[in-house]
Amino acid sequence: MLNKGISLLWQDIAYTFRAGRRSTVAKNAASLYAIQFANYILPLITVPYLVRVLGPAGFGAVAFGQSLIAYFVLFVDYGFDWSATRKISVERNNLQSVNHIVIHVWMAKALLCLAGFLVLISLIGFVPKLGEVSTLLIILYGMAVGNVLFPTWLFQGMERMVMISVINLAVRLFVVLGIFVLVHQPGDYLLYAGLMSAGAIAAGLAGMVAAVAMFKLKPVSVSWKGIWETLREGWTLFLSRASVSLYTAGNAFILGMLTNHTVVGYYSAAEKIVLAVSGLMGPIAQAVYPRFSKLASESMVMALQWGRRMLVLMGALSLALSIALFAAAPLVVHLMLGPGYEPSIAVMRILAAWIFINGITNVWGIQIMLPFGYDRAFFVILFLAGGINITLAVPLASLWKEQGMAISVLLACIFVAVAQPIYLRNKSKIKPLLGT
């Protein structure tokens, strides 16, 4: 029975590759991977350099600021990477409609960015711990501005994702060059922050120019009604993205408020490596989401069939990555982070399981729940997971510092991995995917 199950699993994986080899999805994913591997060479160079030059405290200070700004980036993004991508993928053959969607999304994001900056200034004035790093936070807000400009959601919806990676790679090369030229001591952490923000803005401008040229975008009249409709469509997904941030993007910020920048440095250094490894699954997920959105609107049966195959593929690959990183954690920390970062080993091993969990929840949530319109349930699950993380983080991080934060994150992720299939099991049209 076991042999038969393994045989069927490999048949599913082989079929997925054979059937997808000639598709747009496969070509997008292959192109993204070719560039993605080049992108991963850069962190392998910069992270070991930065953790040594800035030290745990300096590196942790920037990580603390990045973690807070990540909330503002998510606010500006407003879930458009999901809602606008889904809408554009359906309307991709109607360029006039796509043009209208793009302009209104850009305008909505610009207004959100302005509102976010006003909130940041207010927080700096009222929260002493934020006031201590006010200059750092204002510099890092350039990352939110870059998010406004770069229409990732447009390239995804039109299934032209290669341009995203090309632009990001080119900009990252210049940022890396700037890091080695300008950042030489702990006090240079502001220069490091400035380089990241400048890179985000430059990438955003390049992405905007490329989008206008590739899709023949033209100015259209913008109405408050159109902006409101755009925000209304993305509201539930914005709440979902915000909920995800409660146990992903904001961990360094939460830990920084409970402990100090050195502890944040131990945690963030390990988290960055885990996220980089998990990112190896990114091109697949990024390439198939618009296709799943289109399939869900055309053929429920086909969407579910491909969902089952994606679950097998993503589960197998992510499990292999989790096991490999867990085993290699001491060596990875020794080579990439160096002396003084030994506490990061335990953090890396705890978070290694997150890679596998993220692989399967990406299929359950983003590839199945969102294309089939289960936005509200998706949000509720992620919101509860975020609440679990924050609730547990306070006692666990206070007791075990960086390890406690990692445990809290892992427990929140496990909740998502259990809750999503339980919800889908109660939906009759999803049962074929579950084999029930």
Protein backbone atom coordinates (compact mmCIF):
# COMPACT_ATOMS: atom_id res chain seq x y z
CA MET A 1 0.00 0.00 0.00
CA LEU A 2 2.85 2.36 0.87
CA ASN A 3 4.66 1.56 -2.37
CA LYS A 4 1.50 2.26 -4.33
CA GLY A 5 1.09 5.62 -2.59
CA ILE A 6 4.68 6.61 -3.34
CA SER A 7 4.25 5.52 -6.94
CA LEU A 8 1.13 7.67 -7.36
CA LEU A 9 2.92 10.63 -5.79
CA TRP A 10 5.77 10.44 -8.28
CA GLN A 11 3.30 9.98 -11.12
CA ASP A 12 1.61 13.22 -10.04
CA ILE A 13 4.92 15.09 -9.94
CA ALA A 14 6.03 13.69 -13.30
CA TYR A 15 2.68 14.56 -14.87
CA THR A 16 2.87 18.11 -13.51
CA PHE A 17 6.27 18.65 -15.12
CA ARG A 18 5.33 16.99 -18.42
CA ALA A 19 2.03 18.84 -18.77
CA GLY A 20 3.41 22.17 -17.64
CA ARG A 21 6.61 22.09 -19.64
CA ARG A 22 5.00 23.73 -22.67
CA SER A 23 2.73 26.12 -20.76
CA THR A 24 3.12 29.82 -20.05
CA VAL A 25 3.24 28.97 -16.34
CA ALA A 26 6.23 26.67 -16.83
CA LYS A 27 8.06 29.21 -18.98
CA ASN A 28 7.42 31.97 -16.43
CA ALA A 29 8.56 29.78 -13.57
CA ALA A 30 11.68 28.61 -15.44
CA SER A 31 12.63 32.17 -16.36
CA LEU A 32 12.02 33.36 -12.82
CA TYR A 33 14.17 30.58 -11.41
CA ALA A 34 17.04 31.40 -13.76
CA ILE A 35 17.10 34.95 -12.44
CA GLN A 36 16.13 33.99 -8.88
CA PHE A 37 19.24 31.88 -8.44
CA ALA A 38 21.30 34.91 -9.45
CA ASN A 39 19.40 36.96 -6.87
CA TYR A 40 20.28 34.45 -4.16
CA ILE A 41 23.98 34.83 -4.79
CA LEU A 42 23.76 38.44 -3.58
CA PRO A 43 22.46 37.73 -0.04
CA LEU A 44 25.08 35.02 0.29
CA ILE A 45 27.63 37.80 -0.19
CA THR A 46 26.01 40.71 1.66
CA VAL A 47 24.53 39.05 4.77
CA PRO A 48 27.85 37.60 6.00
CA TYR A 49 29.49 40.99 5.38
CA LEU A 50 26.76 43.06 7.06
CA VAL A 51 26.39 40.94 10.20
CA ARG A 52 30.13 41.21 10.77
CA VAL A 53 30.52 44.91 9.90
CA LEU A 54 27.40 46.20 11.68
CA GLY A 55 27.49 43.67 14.53
CA PRO A 56 24.40 42.16 16.19
CA ALA A 57 23.29 45.55 17.60
CA GLY A 58 23.66 47.53 14.36
CA PHE A 59 22.21 44.77 12.22
CA GLY A 60 19.41 44.34 14.76
CA ALA A 61 18.61 48.08 14.74
CA VAL A 62 18.08 48.05 10.98
CA ALA A 63 16.07 44.81 11.23
CA PHE A 64 13.90 46.44 13.92
CA GLY A 65 13.26 49.45 11.66
CA GLN A 66 12.62 47.26 8.61
CA SER A 67 10.13 45.21 10.58
CA LEU A 68 8.10 48.27 11.52
CA ILE A 69 8.25 49.70 7.99
CA ALA A 70 7.11 46.30 6.72
CA TYR A 71 3.73 47.07 8.33
CA PHE A 72 3.51 50.27 6.29
CA VAL A 73 4.57 48.46 3.13
CA LEU A 74 1.76 45.97 3.72
CA PHE A 75 -0.64 48.85 4.33
CA VAL A 76 0.37 50.47 1.04
CA ASP A 77 0.23 47.16 -0.81
CA TYR A 78 -3.29 46.71 0.60
CA GLY A 79 -3.57 43.16 -0.73
CA PHE A 80 -3.38 44.37 -4.34
CA ASP A 81 -0.81 41.65 -5.10
CA TRP A 82 -3.76 39.29 -4.66
CA SER A 83 -6.90 41.30 -5.50
CA ALA A 84 -5.55 43.32 -8.45
CA THR A 85 -3.62 40.32 -9.80
CA ARG A 86 -6.77 38.20 -9.71
CA LYS A 87 -8.85 40.88 -11.43
CA ILE A 88 -6.25 41.62 -14.12
CA SER A 89 -5.75 37.90 -14.84
CA VAL A 90 -9.45 37.65 -15.72
CA GLU A 91 -9.49 40.92 -17.75
CA ARG A 92 -6.10 40.49 -19.42
CA ASN A 93 -7.58 40.33 -22.95
CA ASN A 94 -9.33 43.68 -22.45
CA LEU A 95 -6.44 46.16 -22.36
CA GLN A 96 -8.75 49.13 -21.84
CA SER A 97 -10.14 47.54 -18.70
CA VAL A 98 -6.62 46.64 -17.52
CA ASN A 99 -5.51 50.25 -18.08
CA HIS A 100 -8.41 51.50 -15.92
CA ILE A 101 -7.59 49.02 -13.14
CA VAL A 102 -3.88 49.93 -13.14
CA ILE A 103 -4.37 53.70 -12.88
CA HIS A 104 -6.86 53.40 -10.04
CA VAL A 105 -4.67 50.96 -8.11
CA TRP A 106 -1.69 53.30 -8.45
CA MET A 107 -3.74 56.23 -7.20
CA ALA A 108 -5.13 54.23 -4.28
CA LYS A 109 -1.64 53.12 -3.27
CA ALA A 110 -0.33 56.70 -3.43
CA LEU A 111 -3.04 57.90 -1.05
CA LEU A 112 -2.34 55.01 1.32
CA CYS A 113 1.38 55.84 1.24
CA LEU A 114 0.71 59.45 2.24
CA ALA A 115 -1.60 58.35 5.06
CA GLY A 116 1.00 55.85 6.26
CA PHE A 117 3.73 58.48 6.41
CA LEU A 118 1.54 60.74 8.56
CA VAL A 119 0.91 57.82 10.91
CA LEU A 120 4.65 57.07 11.11
CA ILE A 121 5.45 60.68 12.05
CA SER A 122 2.80 60.52 14.77
CA LEU A 123 4.18 57.25 16.17
CA ILE A 124 7.71 58.65 16.27
CA GLY A 125 6.42 61.57 18.32
CA PHE A 126 4.44 59.46 20.81
CA VAL A 127 6.53 56.28 21.26
CA PRO A 128 9.96 56.95 22.85
CA LYS A 129 11.53 53.73 21.58
CA LEU A 130 10.63 54.73 18.01
CA GLY A 131 11.80 58.29 18.57
CA GLU A 132 15.28 56.93 19.33
CA VAL A 133 15.54 55.62 15.75
CA SER A 134 13.42 58.29 14.03
CA THR A 135 16.01 59.07 11.34
CA LEU A 136 16.35 55.37 10.50
CA LEU A 137 12.58 54.93 10.19
CA ILE A 138 12.11 57.97 7.93
CA ILE A 139 14.91 56.77 5.66
CA LEU A 140 13.46 53.27 5.48
CA TYR A 141 10.03 54.61 4.53
CA GLY A 142 11.41 54.87 1.01
CA MET A 143 10.67 51.13 0.79
CA ALA A 144 6.96 51.93 1.04
CA VAL A 145 7.32 54.54 -1.72
CA GLY A 146 8.98 51.91 -3.91
CA ASN A 147 6.04 49.57 -3.30
CA VAL A 148 3.65 52.25 -4.59
CA LEU A 149 5.57 52.60 -7.85
CA PHE A 150 6.35 48.98 -8.72
CA PRO A 151 3.23 47.32 -10.31
CA THR A 152 4.09 43.74 -9.34
CA TRP A 153 0.38 42.91 -9.42
CA LEU A 154 0.15 44.03 -13.07
CA PHE A 155 3.03 41.86 -14.27
CA GLN A 156 1.64 38.90 -12.34
CA GLY A 157 -1.89 39.33 -13.66
CA MET A 158 -0.63 39.56 -17.25
CA GLU A 159 1.71 36.59 -16.64
CA ARG A 160 4.80 38.61 -17.57
CA MET A 161 6.63 38.08 -14.29
CA VAL A 162 10.14 37.81 -15.70
CA MET A 163 10.39 41.61 -15.90
CA ILE A 164 9.91 41.79 -12.12
CA SER A 165 12.99 39.72 -11.44
CA VAL A 166 15.09 41.38 -14.15
CA ILE A 167 14.53 44.83 -12.66
CA ASN A 168 15.03 43.66 -9.08
CA LEU A 169 18.26 41.88 -10.00
CA ALA A 170 19.72 44.92 -11.76
CA VAL A 171 18.86 47.22 -8.85
CA ARG A 172 20.18 44.77 -6.26
CA LEU A 173 23.52 44.64 -8.02
CA PHE A 174 23.89 48.41 -7.62
CA VAL A 175 22.77 48.22 -3.97
CA VAL A 176 25.33 45.49 -3.24
CA LEU A 177 28.04 47.58 -4.84
CA GLY A 178 27.01 50.52 -2.67
CA ILE A 179 27.11 48.39 0.47
CA PHE A 180 30.71 47.33 -0.09
CA VAL A 181 31.79 50.84 -1.04
CA LEU A 182 30.03 52.78 1.73
CA VAL A 183 29.26 50.48 4.69
CA HIS A 184 32.38 49.72 6.74
CA GLN A 185 31.51 50.13 10.46
CA PRO A 186 28.56 49.84 12.91
CA GLY A 187 27.77 53.55 12.56
CA ASP A 188 27.10 53.08 8.84
CA TYR A 189 23.75 51.39 9.47
CA LEU A 190 21.97 54.54 8.24
CA LEU A 191 23.85 54.32 4.94
CA TYR A 192 22.77 50.70 4.64
CA ALA A 193 19.15 51.73 5.25
CA GLY A 194 19.45 54.52 2.70
CA LEU A 195 20.80 52.15 0.06
CA MET A 196 17.85 49.78 0.55
CA SER A 197 15.30 52.58 0.26
CA ALA A 198 17.01 54.09 -2.77
CA GLY A 199 17.04 50.65 -4.37
CA ALA A 200 13.31 50.17 -3.74
CA ILE A 201 12.46 53.54 -5.27
CA ALA A 202 14.73 52.95 -8.28
CA ALA A 203 13.18 49.52 -8.87
CA GLY A 204 9.70 51.04 -8.57
CA LEU A 205 10.44 53.73 -11.14
CA ALA A 206 11.94 51.18 -13.53
CA GLY A 207 8.93 48.90 -13.06
CA MET A 208 6.53 51.74 -13.75
CA VAL A 209 8.34 52.74 -16.97
CA ALA A 210 8.49 49.11 -18.13
CA ALA A 211 4.77 48.62 -17.43
CA VAL A 212 3.79 51.72 -19.40
CA ALA A 213 5.92 50.61 -22.36
CA MET A 214 4.92 46.93 -22.35
CA PHE A 215 1.18 47.33 -21.84
CA LYS A 216 0.69 50.67 -23.63
CA LEU A 217 -0.77 52.30 -20.54
CA LYS A 218 -2.36 55.71 -21.00
CA PRO A 219 -3.68 58.37 -18.59
CA VAL A 220 -7.37 57.97 -17.79
CA SER A 221 -9.72 60.03 -15.67
CA VAL A 222 -9.58 58.99 -12.04
CA SER A 223 -12.71 59.17 -9.91
CA TRP A 224 -13.15 58.89 -6.16
CA LYS A 225 -15.78 56.26 -6.87
CA GLY A 226 -13.21 54.23 -8.81
CA ILE A 227 -10.62 54.55 -6.05
CA TRP A 228 -13.18 53.56 -3.42
CA GLU A 229 -14.24 50.54 -5.49
CA THR A 230 -10.59 49.51 -5.83
CA LEU A 231 -10.09 49.75 -2.07
CA ARG A 232 -13.35 47.94 -1.35
CA GLU A 233 -12.38 45.01 -3.59
CA GLY A 234 -9.05 44.61 -1.81
CA TRP A 235 -10.32 45.20 1.74
CA THR A 236 -10.68 41.59 2.86
CA LEU A 237 -7.39 40.60 1.25
CA PHE A 238 -5.69 43.60 2.86
CA LEU A 239 -6.85 42.36 6.23
CA SER A 240 -5.50 38.94 5.30
CA ARG A 241 -2.08 40.38 4.38
CA ALA A 242 -2.07 42.41 7.58
CA SER A 243 -2.88 39.26 9.55
CA VAL A 244 0.01 37.41 7.88
CA SER A 245 2.34 40.20 8.97
CA LEU A 246 1.40 39.54 12.58
CA TYR A 247 3.40 36.30 12.42
CA THR A 248 5.87 37.05 9.59
CA ALA A 249 6.96 40.60 8.73
CA GLY A 250 6.54 42.10 12.20
CA ASN A 251 8.43 39.55 14.29
CA ALA A 252 11.62 41.57 14.61
CA PHE A 253 9.58 44.61 15.65
CA ILE A 254 7.65 42.64 18.28
CA LEU A 255 10.89 41.14 19.59
CA GLY A 256 12.56 44.55 19.62
CA MET A 257 9.80 46.04 21.73
CA LEU A 258 10.17 43.18 24.23
CA THR A 259 13.98 42.83 24.32
CA ASN A 260 16.88 44.70 22.67
CA HIS A 261 18.56 45.15 19.29
CA THR A 262 21.17 42.44 19.92
CA VAL A 263 18.49 39.79 20.45
CA VAL A 264 16.72 41.09 17.35
CA GLY A 265 19.99 40.65 15.46
CA TYR A 266 20.24 36.98 16.46
CA TYR A 267 16.65 36.32 15.42
CA SER A 268 16.63 38.39 12.22
CA ALA A 269 19.87 36.96 10.88
CA ALA A 270 18.44 33.43 11.11
CA GLU A 271 15.03 34.51 9.83
CA LYS A 272 16.56 36.12 6.72
CA ILE A 273 18.29 32.89 5.80
CA VAL A 274 15.15 30.83 6.37
CA LEU A 275 13.12 33.22 4.23
CA ALA A 276 15.76 33.05 1.51
CA VAL A 277 15.55 29.25 1.44
CA SER A 278 11.76 29.36 1.49
CA GLY A 279 11.94 31.86 -1.37
CA LEU A 280 13.23 29.06 -3.59
CA MET A 281 9.57 28.03 -3.82
CA GLY A 282 8.51 31.57 -4.73
CA PRO A 283 8.76 31.45 -8.53
CA ILE A 284 6.45 28.42 -8.69
CA ALA A 285 3.81 30.02 -6.46
CA GLN A 286 4.18 33.37 -8.21
CA ALA A 287 3.83 31.84 -11.67
CA VAL A 288 0.78 29.65 -10.98
CA TYR A 289 -1.41 32.08 -8.99
CA PRO A 290 -2.78 34.04 -11.99
CA ARG A 291 -3.33 30.78 -13.85
CA PHE A 292 -5.29 29.32 -10.91
CA SER A 293 -7.37 32.50 -10.76
CA LYS A 294 -8.26 32.13 -14.43
CA LEU A 295 -8.91 28.38 -14.15
CA ALA A 296 -11.25 28.91 -11.19
CA SER A 297 -13.39 31.22 -13.34
CA GLU A 298 -13.45 28.77 -16.27
CA SER A 299 -13.25 25.19 -14.99
CA MET A 300 -13.65 24.12 -11.37
CA VAL A 301 -12.58 20.57 -12.23
CA MET A 302 -9.32 21.64 -13.88
CA ALA A 303 -8.50 24.04 -11.05
CA LEU A 304 -8.95 21.27 -8.47
CA GLN A 305 -6.94 18.77 -10.50
CA TRP A 306 -4.02 21.16 -10.75
CA GLY A 307 -4.46 22.09 -7.10
CA ARG A 308 -3.92 18.46 -6.08
CA ARG A 309 -0.79 18.19 -8.21
CA MET A 310 0.56 21.48 -6.87
CA LEU A 311 -0.01 20.28 -3.31
CA VAL A 312 2.09 17.17 -3.97
CA LEU A 313 4.83 19.13 -5.72
CA MET A 314 5.07 22.01 -3.25
CA GLY A 315 4.81 19.67 -0.27
CA ALA A 316 7.61 17.40 -1.47
CA LEU A 317 10.01 20.21 -2.40
CA SER A 318 9.39 22.30 0.72
CA LEU A 319 9.80 19.26 3.02
CA ALA A 320 13.17 18.52 1.45
CA LEU A 321 14.28 22.13 1.99
CA SER A 322 13.12 22.08 5.63
CA ILE A 323 15.04 18.92 6.44
CA ALA A 324 18.17 20.12 4.67
CA LEU A 325 18.24 23.48 6.50
CA PHE A 326 17.57 21.88 9.89
CA ALA A 327 20.51 19.53 9.43
CA ALA A 328 22.85 22.18 8.05
CA ALA A 329 21.95 25.00 10.50
CA PRO A 330 25.25 24.96 12.50
CA LEU A 331 27.32 24.98 9.32
CA VAL A 332 25.19 27.70 7.70
CA VAL A 333 25.47 29.97 10.75
CA HIS A 334 29.22 29.37 11.01
CA LEU A 335 29.83 30.19 7.34
CA MET A 336 27.33 32.99 6.80
CA LEU A 337 27.08 34.74 10.17
CA GLY A 338 30.35 33.92 11.88
CA PRO A 339 31.41 34.12 15.56
CA GLY A 340 28.96 35.74 17.96
CA TYR A 341 25.82 34.46 16.23
CA GLU A 342 25.64 31.00 17.84
CA PRO A 343 22.14 31.77 19.29
CA SER A 344 20.89 31.95 15.69
CA ILE A 345 21.39 28.18 15.23
CA ALA A 346 18.45 27.23 17.45
CA VAL A 347 16.27 29.91 15.81
CA MET A 348 17.11 28.59 12.34
CA ARG A 349 16.27 25.02 13.31
CA ILE A 350 12.93 26.00 14.79
CA LEU A 351 11.96 28.12 11.79
CA ALA A 352 13.12 25.46 9.30
CA ALA A 353 9.77 23.70 9.76
CA TRP A 354 8.07 26.89 8.57
CA ILE A 355 9.38 26.25 5.05
CA PHE A 356 7.38 23.03 4.73
CA ILE A 357 4.30 24.54 6.32
CA ASN A 358 4.48 27.56 4.02
CA GLY A 359 4.75 25.28 1.00
CA ILE A 360 1.47 23.51 1.68
CA THR A 361 -0.47 26.50 3.05
CA ASN A 362 0.43 28.44 -0.09
CA VAL A 363 -1.53 25.86 -2.10
CA TRP A 364 -4.46 25.62 0.32
CA GLY A 365 -4.78 29.35 0.78
CA ILE A 366 -3.46 31.35 -2.17
CA GLN A 367 -3.93 28.83 -4.99
CA ILE A 368 -7.29 27.39 -3.85
CA MET A 369 -9.12 29.58 -1.31
CA LEU A 370 -8.53 32.92 -3.05
CA PRO A 371 -9.31 31.86 -6.66
CA PHE A 372 -12.54 30.23 -5.43
CA GLY A 373 -13.57 33.39 -3.59
CA TYR A 374 -13.10 32.25 0.02
CA ASP A 375 -11.52 35.59 0.89
CA ARG A 376 -13.31 36.05 4.19
CA ALA A 377 -12.44 32.59 5.54
CA PHE A 378 -8.85 33.09 4.38
CA PHE A 379 -8.71 36.34 6.35
CA VAL A 380 -10.25 34.87 9.50
CA ILE A 381 -7.75 32.01 9.60
CA LEU A 382 -4.76 34.32 9.13
CA PHE A 383 -6.12 36.85 11.62
CA LEU A 384 -6.48 34.15 14.27
CA ALA A 385 -2.93 32.96 13.49
CA GLY A 386 -1.63 36.49 13.93
CA GLY A 387 -3.45 36.78 17.23
CA ILE A 388 -1.95 33.50 18.39
CA ASN A 389 1.55 34.70 17.52
CA ILE A 390 1.25 38.02 19.35
CA THR A 391 -0.41 36.41 22.37
CA LEU A 392 2.28 33.76 22.68
CA ALA A 393 5.17 36.05 21.75
CA VAL A 394 4.88 38.16 24.88
CA PRO A 395 5.49 35.34 27.41
CA LEU A 396 7.70 33.18 25.17
CA ALA A 397 10.01 35.96 23.99
CA SER A 398 10.24 37.31 27.53
CA LEU A 399 11.34 33.87 28.76
CA TRP A 400 13.44 32.53 25.90
CA LYS A 401 14.10 35.66 23.81
CA GLU A 402 14.90 34.86 20.16
CA GLN A 403 14.04 31.16 20.56
CA GLY A 404 10.71 32.03 22.18
CA MET A 405 9.85 34.28 19.24
CA ALA A 406 10.64 31.48 16.80
CA ILE A 407 8.46 29.01 18.72
CA SER A 408 5.58 31.49 18.72
CA VAL A 409 5.85 31.95 14.95
CA LEU A 410 5.97 28.20 14.33
CA LEU A 411 2.86 27.55 16.43
CA ALA A 412 0.95 30.23 14.51
CA CYS A 413 1.99 28.64 11.20
CA ILE A 414 0.89 25.20 12.38
CA PHE A 415 -2.54 26.63 13.18
CA VAL A 416 -2.87 27.88 9.59
CA ALA A 417 -1.79 24.51 8.18
CA VAL A 418 -4.49 22.76 10.21
CA ALA A 419 -7.31 25.31 9.84
CA GLN A 420 -7.21 25.74 6.05
CA PRO A 421 -7.81 22.09 5.05
CA ILE A 422 -10.43 21.71 7.79
CA TYR A 423 -12.35 24.62 6.30
CA LEU A 424 -11.98 23.33 2.75
CA ARG A 425 -13.08 19.84 3.79
CA ASN A 426 -16.49 21.29 4.60
CA LYS A 427 -16.83 22.73 1.09
CA SER A 428 -18.35 20.11 -1.23
CA LYS A 429 -16.72 21.46 -4.39
CA ILE A 430 -13.27 21.19 -2.80
CA LYS A 431 -13.60 17.60 -1.52
CA PRO A 432 -12.12 16.02 -4.68
CA LEU A 433 -8.86 17.84 -3.95
CA LEU A 434 -8.75 16.28 -0.49
CA GLY A 435 -9.52 12.82 -1.79
CA THR A 436 -12.69 12.55 0.33
